[in-house]
Amino acid sequence: MSDLKADTKRIRECSRALQRIYHSFTDRANPAEDFSATELGNKLVVDAFDEFASNWKIHRKDLADKIRTLGVITGEAAKSYDAIDAKLAEALRRQDARAKRDGAPK
């Protein structure tokens, strides 16, 4: 039998980090938003950022959805590992108590 070990604290940290990344992805499409041509140095630069933002919007939503889904999955995995561990520990405690009560074989 192999030993299964899950660092549920680390899995939860991963889930929270993925949720932060998701929010970063969805909060702002154009990194040059609110900057003028004067601030960026040239109208061509503004146009390039606008074009990038348009293309990025198309792919960003799909990527953000996948990141959010992975964040949810990792959070649920941590909950499941903890629940399984708690149930197994309880079953073993009951078995130990039964064996102690009934007299363990020698």
PDB file of N, CA and C in Angstrom:
ATOM      1  N   MET A   1       0.844  -1.171   0.000  1.00  0.00           N
ATOM      2  CA  MET A   1       0.000   0.000   0.000  1.00  0.00           C
ATOM      3  C   MET A   1       0.893   1.238   0.000  1.00  0.00           C
ATOM      4  N   SER A   2       0.582   2.193  -0.838  1.00  0.00           N
ATOM      5  CA  SER A   2       1.397   3.408  -0.904  1.00  0.00           C
ATOM      6  C   SER A   2       0.831   4.466   0.040  1.00  0.00           C
ATOM      7  N   ASP A   3       1.714   5.354   0.448  1.00  0.00           N
ATOM      8  CA  ASP A   3       1.299   6.451   1.325  1.00  0.00           C
ATOM      9  C   ASP A   3       0.914   7.649   0.474  1.00  0.00           C
ATOM     10  N   LEU A   4      -0.274   8.148   0.709  1.00  0.00           N
ATOM     11  CA  LEU A   4      -0.747   9.340   0.006  1.00  0.00           C
ATOM     12  C   LEU A   4      -0.625  10.504   0.965  1.00  0.00           C
ATOM     13  N   LYS A   5       0.097  11.521   0.541  1.00  0.00           N
ATOM     14  CA  LYS A   5       0.249  12.713   1.365  1.00  0.00           C
ATOM     15  C   LYS A   5      -0.187  13.911   0.543  1.00  0.00           C
ATOM     16  N   ALA A   6      -1.012  14.738   1.141  1.00  0.00           N
ATOM     17  CA  ALA A   6      -1.480  15.945   0.467  1.00  0.00           C
ATOM     18  C   ALA A   6      -1.266  17.122   1.408  1.00  0.00           C
ATOM     19  N   ASP A   7      -0.562  18.111   0.937  1.00  0.00           N
ATOM     20  CA  ASP A   7      -0.335  19.332   1.713  1.00  0.00           C
ATOM     21  C   ASP A   7      -1.515  20.262   1.452  1.00  0.00           C
ATOM     22  N   THR A   8      -2.581  20.072   2.229  1.00  0.00           N
ATOM     23  CA  THR A   8      -3.802  20.837   1.971  1.00  0.00           C
ATOM     24  C   THR A   8      -3.609  22.328   2.202  1.00  0.00           C
ATOM     25  N   LYS A   9      -2.710  22.698   3.078  1.00  0.00           N
ATOM     26  CA  LYS A   9      -2.428  24.128   3.279  1.00  0.00           C
ATOM     27  C   LYS A   9      -1.867  24.720   1.982  1.00  0.00           C
ATOM     28  N   ARG A  10      -0.935  24.008   1.377  1.00  0.00           N
ATOM     29  CA  ARG A  10      -0.322  24.479   0.121  1.00  0.00           C
ATOM     30  C   ARG A  10      -1.348  24.468  -1.022  1.00  0.00           C
ATOM     31  N   ILE A  11      -2.203  23.468  -1.049  1.00  0.00           N
ATOM     32  CA  ILE A  11      -3.231  23.407  -2.088  1.00  0.00           C
ATOM     33  C   ILE A  11      -4.179  24.601  -1.947  1.00  0.00           C
ATOM     34  N   ARG A  12      -4.539  24.943  -0.709  1.00  0.00           N
ATOM     35  CA  ARG A  12      -5.403  26.118  -0.488  1.00  0.00           C
ATOM     36  C   ARG A  12      -4.694  27.412  -0.909  1.00  0.00           C
ATOM     37  N   GLU A  13      -3.398  27.519  -0.600  1.00  0.00           N
ATOM     38  CA  GLU A  13      -2.627  28.698  -1.028  1.00  0.00           C
ATOM     39  C   GLU A  13      -2.649  28.815  -2.548  1.00  0.00           C
ATOM     40  N   CYS A  14      -2.497  27.695  -3.220  1.00  0.00           N
ATOM     41  CA  CYS A  14      -2.543  27.662  -4.683  1.00  0.00           C
ATOM     42  C   CYS A  14      -3.904  28.147  -5.179  1.00  0.00           C
ATOM     43  N   SER A  15      -4.957  27.672  -4.539  1.00  0.00           N
ATOM     44  CA  SER A  15      -6.310  28.070  -4.920  1.00  0.00           C
ATOM     45  C   SER A  15      -6.491  29.580  -4.774  1.00  0.00           C
ATOM     46  N   ARG A  16      -6.042  30.136  -3.650  1.00  0.00           N
ATOM     47  CA  ARG A  16      -6.162  31.589  -3.434  1.00  0.00           C
ATOM     48  C   ARG A  16      -5.324  32.370  -4.444  1.00  0.00           C
ATOM     49  N   ALA A  17      -4.124  31.887  -4.754  1.00  0.00           N
ATOM     50  CA  ALA A  17      -3.267  32.560  -5.737  1.00  0.00           C
ATOM     51  C   ALA A  17      -3.924  32.556  -7.115  1.00  0.00           C
ATOM     52  N   LEU A  18      -4.526  31.445  -7.486  1.00  0.00           N
ATOM     53  CA  LEU A  18      -5.216  31.378  -8.779  1.00  0.00           C
ATOM     54  C   LEU A  18      -6.402  32.346  -8.823  1.00  0.00           C
ATOM     55  N   GLN A  19      -7.090  32.486  -7.717  1.00  0.00           N
ATOM     56  CA  GLN A  19      -8.213  33.437  -7.687  1.00  0.00           C
ATOM     57  C   GLN A  19      -7.698  34.881  -7.828  1.00  0.00           C
ATOM     58  N   ARG A  20      -6.551  35.187  -7.204  1.00  0.00           N
ATOM     59  CA  ARG A  20      -5.962  36.531  -7.362  1.00  0.00           C
ATOM     60  C   ARG A  20      -5.547  36.769  -8.813  1.00  0.00           C
ATOM     61  N   ILE A  21      -4.967  35.766  -9.447  1.00  0.00           N
ATOM     62  CA  ILE A  21      -4.578  35.886 -10.854  1.00  0.00           C
ATOM     63  C   ILE A  21      -5.810  36.105 -11.718  1.00  0.00           C
ATOM     64  N   TYR A  22      -6.867  35.357 -11.432  1.00  0.00           N
ATOM     65  CA  TYR A  22      -8.119  35.520 -12.176  1.00  0.00           C
ATOM     66  C   TYR A  22      -8.596  36.967 -12.089  1.00  0.00           C
ATOM     67  N   HIS A  23      -8.616  37.518 -10.895  1.00  0.00           N
ATOM     68  CA  HIS A  23      -9.093  38.894 -10.734  1.00  0.00           C
ATOM     69  C   HIS A  23      -8.176  39.888 -11.452  1.00  0.00           C
ATOM     70  N   SER A  24      -6.884  39.633 -11.446  1.00  0.00           N
ATOM     71  CA  SER A  24      -5.952  40.490 -12.182  1.00  0.00           C
ATOM     72  C   SER A  24      -6.242  40.445 -13.680  1.00  0.00           C
ATOM     73  N   PHE A  25      -6.550  39.268 -14.168  1.00  0.00           N
ATOM     74  CA  PHE A  25      -6.840  39.106 -15.593  1.00  0.00           C
ATOM     75  C   PHE A  25      -8.121  39.826 -15.995  1.00  0.00           C
ATOM     76  N   THR A  26      -9.085  39.826 -15.115  1.00  0.00           N
ATOM     77  CA  THR A  26     -10.393  40.371 -15.489  1.00  0.00           C
ATOM     78  C   THR A  26     -10.556  41.841 -15.151  1.00  0.00           C
ATOM     79  N   ASP A  27      -9.661  42.396 -14.365  1.00  0.00           N
ATOM     80  CA  ASP A  27      -9.814  43.793 -13.950  1.00  0.00           C
ATOM     81  C   ASP A  27      -9.429  44.804 -15.023  1.00  0.00           C
ATOM     82  N   ARG A  28      -8.440  44.490 -15.836  1.00  0.00           N
ATOM     83  CA  ARG A  28      -7.936  45.495 -16.770  1.00  0.00           C
ATOM     84  C   ARG A  28      -7.461  44.841 -18.066  1.00  0.00           C
ATOM     85  N   ALA A  29      -8.063  45.238 -19.175  1.00  0.00           N
ATOM     86  CA  ALA A  29      -7.736  44.626 -20.459  1.00  0.00           C
ATOM     87  C   ALA A  29      -6.548  45.290 -21.133  1.00  0.00           C
ATOM     88  N   ASN A  30      -6.458  46.590 -21.045  1.00  0.00           N
ATOM     89  CA  ASN A  30      -5.437  47.335 -21.775  1.00  0.00           C
ATOM     90  C   ASN A  30      -4.449  47.949 -20.790  1.00  0.00           C
ATOM     91  N   PRO A  31      -3.186  47.507 -20.818  1.00  0.00           N
ATOM     92  CA  PRO A  31      -2.212  48.046 -19.867  1.00  0.00           C
ATOM     93  C   PRO A  31      -1.959  49.545 -20.053  1.00  0.00           C
ATOM     94  N   ALA A  32      -2.311  50.089 -21.205  1.00  0.00           N
ATOM     95  CA  ALA A  32      -2.090  51.515 -21.468  1.00  0.00           C
ATOM     96  C   ALA A  32      -3.358  52.338 -21.258  1.00  0.00           C
ATOM     97  N   GLU A  33      -4.388  51.704 -20.759  1.00  0.00           N
ATOM     98  CA  GLU A  33      -5.650  52.403 -20.523  1.00  0.00           C
ATOM     99  C   GLU A  33      -5.413  53.636 -19.655  1.00  0.00           C
ATOM    100  N   ASP A  34      -6.076  54.695 -19.987  1.00  0.00           N
ATOM    101  CA  ASP A  34      -5.983  55.961 -19.250  1.00  0.00           C
ATOM    102  C   ASP A  34      -4.676  56.729 -19.479  1.00  0.00           C
ATOM    103  N   PHE A  35      -3.855  56.271 -20.417  1.00  0.00           N
ATOM    104  CA  PHE A  35      -2.645  57.020 -20.762  1.00  0.00           C
ATOM    105  C   PHE A  35      -2.854  57.678 -22.123  1.00  0.00           C
ATOM    106  N   SER A  36      -2.347  58.868 -22.266  1.00  0.00           N
ATOM    107  CA  SER A  36      -2.476  59.594 -23.542  1.00  0.00           C
ATOM    108  C   SER A  36      -1.258  59.318 -24.416  1.00  0.00           C
ATOM    109  N   ALA A  37      -1.364  59.771 -25.686  1.00  0.00           N
ATOM    110  CA  ALA A  37      -0.237  59.645 -26.614  1.00  0.00           C
ATOM    111  C   ALA A  37       0.960  60.422 -26.086  1.00  0.00           C
ATOM    112  N   THR A  38       0.706  61.532 -25.440  1.00  0.00           N
ATOM    113  CA  THR A  38       1.807  62.334 -24.878  1.00  0.00           C
ATOM    114  C   THR A  38       2.540  61.541 -23.804  1.00  0.00           C
ATOM    115  N   GLU A  39       1.778  60.872 -22.949  1.00  0.00           N
ATOM    116  CA  GLU A  39       2.398  60.101 -21.865  1.00  0.00           C
ATOM    117  C   GLU A  39       3.126  58.872 -22.389  1.00  0.00           C
ATOM    118  N   LEU A  40       2.579  58.269 -23.445  1.00  0.00           N
ATOM    119  CA  LEU A  40       3.213  57.073 -24.006  1.00  0.00           C
ATOM    120  C   LEU A  40       4.246  57.413 -25.071  1.00  0.00           C
ATOM    121  N   GLY A  41       4.251  58.656 -25.509  1.00  0.00           N
ATOM    122  CA  GLY A  41       5.282  59.111 -26.428  1.00  0.00           C
ATOM    123  C   GLY A  41       4.874  59.173 -27.879  1.00  0.00           C
ATOM    124  N   ASN A  42       3.781  58.491 -28.248  1.00  0.00           N
ATOM    125  CA  ASN A  42       3.459  58.445 -29.663  1.00  0.00           C
ATOM    126  C   ASN A  42       2.076  57.844 -29.853  1.00  0.00           C
ATOM    127  N   LYS A  43       1.341  58.356 -30.828  1.00  0.00           N
ATOM    128  CA  LYS A  43       0.007  57.820 -31.147  1.00  0.00           C
ATOM    129  C   LYS A  43       0.111  56.378 -31.643  1.00  0.00           C
ATOM    130  N   LEU A  44       1.196  56.032 -32.310  1.00  0.00           N
ATOM    131  CA  LEU A  44       1.382  54.653 -32.772  1.00  0.00           C
ATOM    132  C   LEU A  44       1.452  53.675 -31.589  1.00  0.00           C
ATOM    133  N   VAL A  45       2.066  54.123 -30.516  1.00  0.00           N
ATOM    134  CA  VAL A  45       2.153  53.277 -29.318  1.00  0.00           C
ATOM    135  C   VAL A  45       0.751  53.071 -28.732  1.00  0.00           C
ATOM    136  N   VAL A  46      -0.029  54.156 -28.676  1.00  0.00           N
ATOM    137  CA  VAL A  46      -1.406  54.060 -28.182  1.00  0.00           C
ATOM    138  C   VAL A  46      -2.194  53.095 -29.057  1.00  0.00           C
ATOM    139  N   ASP A  47      -2.068  53.228 -30.376  1.00  0.00           N
ATOM    140  CA  ASP A  47      -2.779  52.343 -31.302  1.00  0.00           C
ATOM    141  C   ASP A  47      -2.358  50.881 -31.120  1.00  0.00           C
ATOM    142  N   ALA A  48      -1.063  50.667 -30.922  1.00  0.00           N
ATOM    143  CA  ALA A  48      -0.563  49.300 -30.723  1.00  0.00           C
ATOM    144  C   ALA A  48      -1.158  48.695 -29.450  1.00  0.00           C
ATOM    145  N   PHE A  49      -1.204  49.481 -28.380  1.00  0.00           N
ATOM    146  CA  PHE A  49      -1.808  48.995 -27.138  1.00  0.00           C
ATOM    147  C   PHE A  49      -3.299  48.728 -27.322  1.00  0.00           C
ATOM    148  N   ASP A  50      -3.991  49.577 -28.059  1.00  0.00           N
ATOM    149  CA  ASP A  50      -5.417  49.369 -28.316  1.00  0.00           C
ATOM    150  C   ASP A  50      -5.640  48.072 -29.096  1.00  0.00           C
ATOM    151  N   GLU A  51      -4.799  47.827 -30.086  1.00  0.00           N
ATOM    152  CA  GLU A  51      -4.917  46.592 -30.868  1.00  0.00           C
ATOM    153  C   GLU A  51      -4.630  45.373 -29.997  1.00  0.00           C
ATOM    154  N   PHE A  52      -3.576  45.502 -29.190  1.00  0.00           N
ATOM    155  CA  PHE A  52      -3.244  44.423 -28.257  1.00  0.00           C
ATOM    156  C   PHE A  52      -4.424  44.137 -27.333  1.00  0.00           C
ATOM    157  N   ALA A  53      -5.029  45.186 -26.803  1.00  0.00           N
ATOM    158  CA  ALA A  53      -6.144  45.024 -25.870  1.00  0.00           C
ATOM    159  C   ALA A  53      -7.315  44.318 -26.542  1.00  0.00           C
ATOM    160  N   SER A  54      -7.586  44.662 -27.793  1.00  0.00           N
ATOM    161  CA  SER A  54      -8.688  44.014 -28.506  1.00  0.00           C
ATOM    162  C   SER A  54      -8.423  42.520 -28.663  1.00  0.00           C
ATOM    163  N   ASN A  55      -7.227  42.164 -29.084  1.00  0.00           N
ATOM    164  CA  ASN A  55      -6.872  40.746 -29.242  1.00  0.00           C
ATOM    165  C   ASN A  55      -6.820  40.042 -27.885  1.00  0.00           C
ATOM    166  N   TRP A  56      -6.292  40.744 -26.908  1.00  0.00           N
ATOM    167  CA  TRP A  56      -6.140  40.176 -25.581  1.00  0.00           C
ATOM    168  C   TRP A  56      -7.506  39.858 -24.976  1.00  0.00           C
ATOM    169  N   LYS A  57      -8.503  40.715 -25.201  1.00  0.00           N
ATOM    170  CA  LYS A  57      -9.843  40.483 -24.656  1.00  0.00           C
ATOM    171  C   LYS A  57     -10.399  39.140 -25.117  1.00  0.00           C
ATOM    172  N   ILE A  58     -10.146  38.816 -26.375  1.00  0.00           N
ATOM    173  CA  ILE A  58     -10.651  37.562 -26.940  1.00  0.00           C
ATOM    174  C   ILE A  58     -10.078  36.363 -26.186  1.00  0.00           C
ATOM    175  N   HIS A  59      -8.781  36.373 -25.972  1.00  0.00           N
ATOM    176  CA  HIS A  59      -8.100  35.228 -25.355  1.00  0.00           C
ATOM    177  C   HIS A  59      -8.121  35.292 -23.832  1.00  0.00           C
ATOM    178  N   ARG A  60      -8.187  36.488 -23.305  1.00  0.00           N
ATOM    179  CA  ARG A  60      -8.133  36.676 -21.854  1.00  0.00           C
ATOM    180  C   ARG A  60      -9.315  36.018 -21.162  1.00  0.00           C
ATOM    181  N   LYS A  61     -10.516  36.165 -21.698  1.00  0.00           N
ATOM    182  CA  LYS A  61     -11.698  35.598 -21.056  1.00  0.00           C
ATOM    183  C   LYS A  61     -11.580  34.085 -20.944  1.00  0.00           C
ATOM    184  N   ASP A  62     -11.163  33.432 -22.016  1.00  0.00           N
ATOM    185  CA  ASP A  62     -11.007  31.983 -21.993  1.00  0.00           C
ATOM    186  C   ASP A  62      -9.951  31.574 -20.969  1.00  0.00           C
ATOM    187  N   LEU A  63      -8.821  32.259 -20.985  1.00  0.00           N
ATOM    188  CA  LEU A  63      -7.745  31.949 -20.049  1.00  0.00           C
ATOM    189  C   LEU A  63      -8.176  32.237 -18.612  1.00  0.00           C
ATOM    190  N   ALA A  64      -8.849  33.354 -18.392  1.00  0.00           N
ATOM    191  CA  ALA A  64      -9.310  33.701 -17.051  1.00  0.00           C
ATOM    192  C   ALA A  64     -10.302  32.664 -16.534  1.00  0.00           C
ATOM    193  N   ASP A  65     -11.199  32.201 -17.389  1.00  0.00           N
ATOM    194  CA  ASP A  65     -12.162  31.169 -16.987  1.00  0.00           C
ATOM    195  C   ASP A  65     -11.452  29.884 -16.574  1.00  0.00           C
ATOM    196  N   LYS A  66     -10.420  29.522 -17.317  1.00  0.00           N
ATOM    197  CA  LYS A  66      -9.664  28.308 -16.981  1.00  0.00           C
ATOM    198  C   LYS A  66      -8.917  28.478 -15.660  1.00  0.00           C
ATOM    199  N   ILE A  67      -8.363  29.653 -15.437  1.00  0.00           N
ATOM    200  CA  ILE A  67      -7.662  29.924 -14.180  1.00  0.00           C
ATOM    201  C   ILE A  67      -8.636  29.860 -13.010  1.00  0.00           C
ATOM    202  N   ARG A  68      -9.809  30.479 -13.183  1.00  0.00           N
ATOM    203  CA  ARG A  68     -10.818  30.456 -12.116  1.00  0.00           C
ATOM    204  C   ARG A  68     -11.256  29.023 -11.827  1.00  0.00           C
ATOM    205  N   THR A  69     -11.500  28.240 -12.873  1.00  0.00           N
ATOM    206  CA  THR A  69     -11.911  26.850 -12.690  1.00  0.00           C
ATOM    207  C   THR A  69     -10.848  26.060 -11.939  1.00  0.00           C
ATOM    208  N   LEU A  70      -9.587  26.246 -12.294  1.00  0.00           N
ATOM    209  CA  LEU A  70      -8.509  25.544 -11.609  1.00  0.00           C
ATOM    210  C   LEU A  70      -8.437  25.970 -10.142  1.00  0.00           C
ATOM    211  N   GLY A  71      -8.673  27.247  -9.871  1.00  0.00           N
ATOM    212  CA  GLY A  71      -8.701  27.715  -8.487  1.00  0.00           C
ATOM    213  C   GLY A  71      -9.797  27.043  -7.686  1.00  0.00           C
ATOM    214  N   VAL A  72     -10.968  26.893  -8.284  1.00  0.00           N
ATOM    215  CA  VAL A  72     -12.090  26.231  -7.611  1.00  0.00           C
ATOM    216  C   VAL A  72     -11.760  24.750  -7.391  1.00  0.00           C
ATOM    217  N   ILE A  73     -11.204  24.116  -8.404  1.00  0.00           N
ATOM    218  CA  ILE A  73     -10.871  22.687  -8.300  1.00  0.00           C
ATOM    219  C   ILE A  73      -9.851  22.447  -7.189  1.00  0.00           C
ATOM    220  N   THR A  74      -8.826  23.273  -7.121  1.00  0.00           N
ATOM    221  CA  THR A  74      -7.810  23.071  -6.081  1.00  0.00           C
ATOM    222  C   THR A  74      -8.387  23.309  -4.692  1.00  0.00           C
ATOM    223  N   GLY A  75      -9.264  24.298  -4.561  1.00  0.00           N
ATOM    224  CA  GLY A  75      -9.916  24.534  -3.270  1.00  0.00           C
ATOM    225  C   GLY A  75     -10.773  23.348  -2.850  1.00  0.00           C
ATOM    226  N   GLU A  76     -11.541  22.808  -3.794  1.00  0.00           N
ATOM    227  CA  GLU A  76     -12.383  21.646  -3.504  1.00  0.00           C
ATOM    228  C   GLU A  76     -11.533  20.407  -3.215  1.00  0.00           C
ATOM    229  N   ALA A  77     -10.406  20.284  -3.894  1.00  0.00           N
ATOM    230  CA  ALA A  77      -9.514  19.142  -3.636  1.00  0.00           C
ATOM    231  C   ALA A  77      -9.011  19.173  -2.196  1.00  0.00           C
ATOM    232  N   ALA A  78      -8.614  20.346  -1.730  1.00  0.00           N
ATOM    233  CA  ALA A  78      -8.135  20.469  -0.347  1.00  0.00           C
ATOM    234  C   ALA A  78      -9.238  20.073   0.634  1.00  0.00           C
ATOM    235  N   LYS A  79     -10.463  20.526   0.380  1.00  0.00           N
ATOM    236  CA  LYS A  79     -11.591  20.158   1.257  1.00  0.00           C
ATOM    237  C   LYS A  79     -11.805  18.650   1.240  1.00  0.00           C
ATOM    238  N   SER A  80     -11.735  18.054   0.062  1.00  0.00           N
ATOM    239  CA  SER A  80     -11.949  16.609  -0.063  1.00  0.00           C
ATOM    240  C   SER A  80     -10.870  15.819   0.661  1.00  0.00           C
ATOM    241  N   TYR A  81      -9.603  16.217   0.486  1.00  0.00           N
ATOM    242  CA  TYR A  81      -8.520  15.528   1.191  1.00  0.00           C
ATOM    243  C   TYR A  81      -8.735  15.596   2.701  1.00  0.00           C
ATOM    244  N   ASP A  82      -9.095  16.780   3.202  1.00  0.00           N
ATOM    245  CA  ASP A  82      -9.314  16.923   4.637  1.00  0.00           C
ATOM    246  C   ASP A  82     -10.486  16.060   5.102  1.00  0.00           C
ATOM    247  N   ALA A  83     -11.567  16.022   4.336  1.00  0.00           N
ATOM    248  CA  ALA A  83     -12.737  15.228   4.714  1.00  0.00           C
ATOM    249  C   ALA A  83     -12.412  13.732   4.726  1.00  0.00           C
ATOM    250  N   ILE A  84     -11.705  13.288   3.713  1.00  0.00           N
ATOM    251  CA  ILE A  84     -11.326  11.870   3.640  1.00  0.00           C
ATOM    252  C   ILE A  84     -10.405  11.510   4.799  1.00  0.00           C
ATOM    253  N   ASP A  85      -9.439  12.377   5.083  1.00  0.00           N
ATOM    254  CA  ASP A  85      -8.509  12.139   6.178  1.00  0.00           C
ATOM    255  C   ASP A  85      -9.258  12.059   7.515  1.00  0.00           C
ATOM    256  N   ALA A  86     -10.217  12.970   7.724  1.00  0.00           N
ATOM    257  CA  ALA A  86     -10.988  12.969   8.968  1.00  0.00           C
ATOM    258  C   ALA A  86     -11.819  11.693   9.089  1.00  0.00           C
ATOM    259  N   LYS A  87     -12.447  11.264   7.991  1.00  0.00           N
ATOM    260  CA  LYS A  87     -13.264  10.040   8.028  1.00  0.00           C
ATOM    261  C   LYS A  87     -12.401   8.802   8.283  1.00  0.00           C
ATOM    262  N   LEU A  88     -11.253   8.743   7.640  1.00  0.00           N
ATOM    263  CA  LEU A  88     -10.356   7.608   7.844  1.00  0.00           C
ATOM    264  C   LEU A  88      -9.848   7.581   9.278  1.00  0.00           C
ATOM    265  N   ALA A  89      -9.462   8.727   9.802  1.00  0.00           N
ATOM    266  CA  ALA A  89      -8.982   8.788  11.188  1.00  0.00           C
ATOM    267  C   ALA A  89     -10.072   8.346  12.161  1.00  0.00           C
ATOM    268  N   GLU A  90     -11.301   8.792  11.930  1.00  0.00           N
ATOM    269  CA  GLU A  90     -12.413   8.392  12.795  1.00  0.00           C
ATOM    270  C   GLU A  90     -12.656   6.888  12.704  1.00  0.00           C
ATOM    271  N   ALA A  91     -12.613   6.336  11.508  1.00  0.00           N
ATOM    272  CA  ALA A  91     -12.806   4.888  11.346  1.00  0.00           C
ATOM    273  C   ALA A  91     -11.710   4.111  12.072  1.00  0.00           C
ATOM    274  N   LEU A  92     -10.488   4.578  11.984  1.00  0.00           N
ATOM    275  CA  LEU A  92      -9.387   3.906  12.682  1.00  0.00           C
ATOM    276  C   LEU A  92      -9.530   4.015  14.195  1.00  0.00           C
ATOM    277  N   ARG A  93      -9.982   5.181  14.681  1.00  0.00           N
ATOM    278  CA  ARG A  93     -10.211   5.333  16.124  1.00  0.00           C
ATOM    279  C   ARG A  93     -11.310   4.378  16.605  1.00  0.00           C
ATOM    280  N   ARG A  94     -12.386   4.266  15.834  1.00  0.00           N
ATOM    281  CA  ARG A  94     -13.453   3.329  16.201  1.00  0.00           C
ATOM    282  C   ARG A  94     -12.946   1.889  16.217  1.00  0.00           C
ATOM    283  N   GLN A  95     -12.151   1.531  15.219  1.00  0.00           N
ATOM    284  CA  GLN A  95     -11.592   0.179  15.148  1.00  0.00           C
ATOM    285  C   GLN A  95     -10.676  -0.088  16.341  1.00  0.00           C
ATOM    286  N   ASP A  96      -9.837   0.896  16.674  1.00  0.00           N
ATOM    287  CA  ASP A  96      -8.944   0.742  17.833  1.00  0.00           C
ATOM    288  C   ASP A  96      -9.751   0.583  19.116  1.00  0.00           C
ATOM    289  N   ALA A  97     -10.808   1.376  19.267  1.00  0.00           N
ATOM    290  CA  ALA A  97     -11.646   1.286  20.469  1.00  0.00           C
ATOM    291  C   ALA A  97     -12.330  -0.072  20.539  1.00  0.00           C
ATOM    292  N   ARG A  98     -12.821  -0.570  19.411  1.00  0.00           N
ATOM    293  CA  ARG A  98     -13.462  -1.882  19.356  1.00  0.00           C
ATOM    294  C   ARG A  98     -12.464  -2.985  19.736  1.00  0.00           C
ATOM    295  N   ALA A  99     -11.281  -2.872  19.160  1.00  0.00           N
ATOM    296  CA  ALA A  99     -10.258  -3.896  19.439  1.00  0.00           C
ATOM    297  C   ALA A  99      -9.864  -3.862  20.923  1.00  0.00           C
ATOM    298  N   LYS A 100      -9.777  -2.691  21.506  1.00  0.00           N
ATOM    299  CA  LYS A 100      -9.411  -2.558  22.915  1.00  0.00           C
ATOM    300  C   LYS A 100     -10.536  -3.122  23.780  1.00  0.00           C
ATOM    301  N   ARG A 101     -11.770  -2.797  23.424  1.00  0.00           N
ATOM    302  CA  ARG A 101     -12.935  -3.265  24.179  1.00  0.00           C
ATOM    303  C   ARG A 101     -13.069  -4.793  24.105  1.00  0.00           C
ATOM    304  N   ASP A 102     -12.916  -5.345  22.911  1.00  0.00           N
ATOM    305  CA  ASP A 102     -13.112  -6.784  22.692  1.00  0.00           C
ATOM    306  C   ASP A 102     -11.872  -7.603  22.975  1.00  0.00           C
ATOM    307  N   GLY A 103     -10.766  -6.928  23.245  1.00  0.00           N
ATOM    308  CA  GLY A 103      -9.524  -7.634  23.503  1.00  0.00           C
ATOM    309  C   GLY A 103      -8.805  -7.944  22.210  1.00  0.00           C
ATOM    310  N   ALA A 104      -7.748  -7.239  21.980  1.00  0.00           N
ATOM    311  CA  ALA A 104      -6.982  -7.415  20.752  1.00  0.00           C
ATOM    312  C   ALA A 104      -6.310  -8.782  20.763  1.00  0.00           C
ATOM    313  N   PRO A 105      -6.216  -9.429  19.596  1.00  0.00           N
ATOM    314  CA  PRO A 105      -5.530 -10.728  19.537  1.00  0.00           C
ATOM    315  C   PRO A 105      -4.060 -10.573  19.878  1.00  0.00           C
ATOM    316  N   LYS A 106      -3.546 -11.583  20.557  1.00  0.00           N
ATOM    317  CA  LYS A 106      -2.148 -11.520  21.000  1.00  0.00           C
ATOM    318  C   LYS A 106      -1.277 -12.337  20.129  1.00  0.00           C
TER     319      LYS A 106
END
